Amino acid sequence: MLEETYEAILKVVMFADKGIPIFIIGFSLGGNFTLRIARLHSQSKNKIKQLKECIAISPAIHPKDATILMDQKFIIGKYFLKKWKQSILKNRNIFLL
């Protein structure tokens, strides 16, 4: 999935104005994904030409470990489960309408 996303970014950038810098920004698990895209970019021969910055905000460095720890704390686990359910319902309503 990471490689597919990287290829999609390359395709989207082809349509962008050549003078416009590209920023990849992610929060939480998106921050983790941003870091992995940045690593792939640094190792790739096919660079994202206009990539200016990759910004990871509160990335989950070890997502599995973070999930296990959150589930062990009742209040935090309950909070994230509630937020996750709200997010799923919101997306369902957006995409089913």
Protein backbone atom coordinates (compact mmCIF):
# COMPACT_ATOMS: atom_id res chain seq x y z
CA MET A 1 0.00 0.00 0.00
CA LEU A 2 2.88 2.37 0.73
CA GLU A 3 4.34 1.96 -2.75
CA GLU A 4 0.90 2.46 -4.32
CA THR A 5 0.45 5.69 -2.37
CA TYR A 6 3.90 6.90 -3.42
CA GLU A 7 3.07 6.19 -7.08
CA ALA A 8 -0.26 8.03 -6.68
CA ILE A 9 1.57 11.07 -5.27
CA LEU A 10 3.93 11.02 -8.26
CA LYS A 11 0.94 10.99 -10.63
CA VAL A 12 -0.87 13.82 -8.82
CA VAL A 13 2.28 15.97 -8.79
CA MET A 14 2.48 15.65 -12.60
CA PHE A 15 -0.70 17.76 -12.78
CA ALA A 16 0.48 20.38 -10.29
CA ASP A 17 1.98 23.69 -11.36
CA LYS A 18 5.74 23.12 -11.59
CA GLY A 19 6.44 26.15 -9.38
CA ILE A 20 4.24 24.96 -6.51
CA PRO A 21 6.04 23.19 -3.64
CA ILE A 22 4.53 19.93 -2.40
CA PHE A 23 4.08 19.25 1.33
CA ILE A 24 3.04 15.93 2.85
CA ILE A 25 1.53 16.33 6.31
CA GLY A 26 0.12 13.65 8.59
CA PHE A 27 -1.24 13.50 12.13
CA SER A 28 -1.06 10.44 14.43
CA LEU A 29 -1.18 7.32 12.22
CA GLY A 30 -1.08 9.69 9.25
CA GLY A 31 2.15 11.06 10.71
CA ASN A 32 3.54 7.53 10.77
CA PHE A 33 2.52 7.12 7.13
CA THR A 34 4.15 10.48 6.28
CA LEU A 35 7.43 9.31 7.81
CA ARG A 36 7.29 6.10 5.78
CA ILE A 37 6.59 8.07 2.56
CA ALA A 38 9.58 10.31 3.39
CA ARG A 39 11.80 7.27 3.87
CA LEU A 40 10.60 5.76 0.59
CA HIS A 41 11.23 9.09 -1.16
CA SER A 42 14.79 9.23 0.18
CA GLN A 43 15.48 5.71 -1.12
CA SER A 44 13.67 6.03 -4.45
CA LYS A 45 15.28 6.78 -7.80
CA ASN A 46 11.95 8.26 -8.92
CA LYS A 47 11.75 11.34 -6.66
CA ILE A 48 8.73 13.54 -6.01
CA LYS A 49 10.28 16.50 -7.81
CA GLN A 50 8.57 19.37 -6.01
CA LEU A 51 8.55 17.81 -2.54
CA LYS A 52 9.54 20.57 -0.12
CA GLU A 53 8.76 19.10 3.31
CA CYS A 54 7.25 16.08 5.05
CA ILE A 55 5.67 17.01 8.36
CA ALA A 56 4.65 14.36 10.89
CA ILE A 57 2.58 15.61 13.83
CA SER A 58 2.38 13.26 16.82
CA PRO A 59 3.25 10.21 14.73
CA ALA A 60 2.63 6.80 16.19
CA ILE A 61 6.20 5.51 15.95
CA HIS A 62 5.19 1.96 16.88
CA PRO A 63 1.45 1.78 16.00
CA LYS A 64 0.94 -1.75 17.35
CA ASP A 65 2.58 -0.93 20.70
CA ALA A 66 0.64 2.36 20.93
CA THR A 67 -2.65 0.57 20.28
CA ILE A 68 -1.95 -2.06 22.94
CA LEU A 69 -1.02 0.59 25.52
CA MET A 70 -4.14 2.67 24.77
CA ASP A 71 -6.36 -0.41 25.10
CA GLN A 72 -4.86 -1.15 28.52
CA LYS A 73 -5.91 2.25 29.90
CA PHE A 74 -9.68 2.27 30.41
CA ILE A 75 -10.31 6.02 30.02
CA ILE A 76 -7.98 6.46 27.04
CA GLY A 77 -9.26 3.29 25.37
CA LYS A 78 -12.88 4.36 25.86
CA TYR A 79 -12.11 7.85 24.47
CA PHE A 80 -10.41 6.55 21.33
CA LEU A 81 -13.07 3.91 20.74
CA LYS A 82 -15.76 6.61 20.92
CA LYS A 83 -13.82 8.86 18.51
CA TRP A 84 -13.20 5.96 16.13
CA LYS A 85 -16.91 5.07 16.05
CA GLN A 86 -17.82 8.72 15.41
CA SER A 87 -15.32 8.85 12.55
CA ILE A 88 -16.70 5.69 10.96
CA LEU A 89 -20.29 6.96 11.20
CA LYS A 90 -19.29 10.35 9.78
CA ASN A 91 -17.50 8.75 6.82
CA ARG A 92 -20.39 6.36 6.24
CA ASN A 93 -22.82 9.28 6.10
CA ILE A 94 -20.57 11.19 3.70
CA PHE A 95 -20.03 8.33 1.29
CA LEU A 96 -23.53 6.87 1.38
CA LEU A 97 -25.28 10.14 0.57
